[in-house]
């Protein structure tokens, strides 16, 4: 499947940085940040919840989501 239009979503402290760095290294496709998201389908985008702006308006521009989770017992205290 075409990787473009994929949203990487995570809770802070779940290991997002390692995930997107490994994705870029393995695929050669850069992962963009939702702060600079232009609203067009055409790349891999990362975001986290809770989002500082509180806006998740991807609409039909994202085809799939990779949700990165970690055991809440370790994740919440590290946030």
Protein backbone atom coordinates (compact mmCIF):
# COMPACT_ATOMS: atom_id res chain seq x y z
CA UNK A 1 0.00 0.00 0.00
CA UNK A 2 1.12 3.55 -0.71
CA UNK A 3 2.60 4.99 2.52
CA UNK A 4 1.56 8.55 1.73
CA UNK A 5 -1.37 9.79 3.76
CA UNK A 6 -0.26 7.99 6.91
CA UNK A 7 -0.67 9.64 10.31
CA UNK A 8 1.62 8.60 13.18
CA UNK A 9 -0.22 9.37 16.42
CA UNK A 10 1.04 8.89 19.96
CA UNK A 11 0.74 10.00 23.56
CA UNK A 12 3.79 11.95 24.80
CA UNK A 13 6.51 9.63 26.09
CA UNK A 14 5.49 6.67 23.92
CA UNK A 15 8.62 6.67 21.75
CA UNK A 16 7.47 8.72 18.76
CA UNK A 17 10.89 10.20 18.01
CA UNK A 18 12.51 6.77 17.68
CA UNK A 19 9.59 5.54 15.55
CA UNK A 20 9.69 8.36 13.00
CA UNK A 21 13.49 8.33 12.81
CA UNK A 22 13.49 4.60 12.08
CA UNK A 23 10.67 5.06 9.54
CA UNK A 24 12.60 7.77 7.71
CA UNK A 25 15.77 5.68 7.73
CA UNK A 26 14.09 2.52 6.46
CA UNK A 27 11.81 4.08 3.85
CA UNK A 28 13.72 7.17 2.74
CA UNK A 29 10.50 9.21 3.08
CA UNK A 30 10.58 12.18 5.42
CA UNK A 31 8.03 12.37 8.23
CA UNK A 32 6.46 15.81 8.63
CA UNK A 33 5.09 17.48 11.72
CA UNK A 34 1.41 18.39 12.10
CA UNK A 35 2.39 21.98 12.99
CA UNK A 36 3.53 22.44 9.39
CA UNK A 37 0.82 20.28 7.78
CA UNK A 38 -0.57 22.04 4.73
CA UNK A 39 -3.74 19.95 4.42
CA UNK A 40 -2.61 18.08 1.32
CA UNK A 41 -2.15 14.36 0.98
CA UNK A 42 1.43 13.63 0.15
CA UNK A 43 3.52 12.43 3.03
CA UNK A 44 3.83 10.91 6.42
CA UNK A 45 2.71 13.14 9.30
CA UNK A 46 3.33 12.75 13.04
CA UNK A 47 1.23 14.14 15.85
CA UNK A 48 0.61 13.57 19.53
CA UNK A 49 -2.33 13.66 21.85
CA UNK A 50 -3.05 15.97 23.59
CA UNK A 51 -2.30 18.38 20.78
CA UNK A 52 -1.25 21.86 22.01
CA UNK A 53 -3.53 23.56 19.48
CA UNK A 54 -6.41 21.13 20.03
CA UNK A 55 -7.12 20.89 16.29
CA UNK A 56 -7.18 17.59 14.44
CA UNK A 57 -8.61 18.50 11.06
CA UNK A 58 -7.14 15.99 8.64
CA UNK A 59 -10.49 15.15 7.09
CA UNK A 60 -10.13 12.71 4.21
CA UNK A 61 -6.45 13.55 3.70
CA UNK A 62 -5.20 10.65 5.79
CA UNK A 63 -5.77 7.10 4.61
CA UNK A 64 -4.35 5.22 7.57
CA UNK A 65 -3.14 5.71 11.13
CA UNK A 66 -0.28 4.13 13.05
CA UNK A 67 -1.10 4.49 16.74
CA UNK A 68 1.92 4.24 19.00
CA UNK A 69 1.07 3.24 22.56
CA UNK A 70 3.05 2.30 25.63
CA UNK A 71 2.05 0.78 28.94
CA UNK A 72 0.24 3.61 30.82
CA UNK A 73 1.96 2.57 34.03
CA UNK A 74 5.28 3.79 32.59
CA UNK A 75 4.03 6.35 30.11
CA UNK A 76 1.95 8.69 32.28
CA UNK A 77 4.62 9.30 34.97
CA UNK A 78 7.24 9.99 32.27
CA UNK A 79 5.02 12.69 30.72
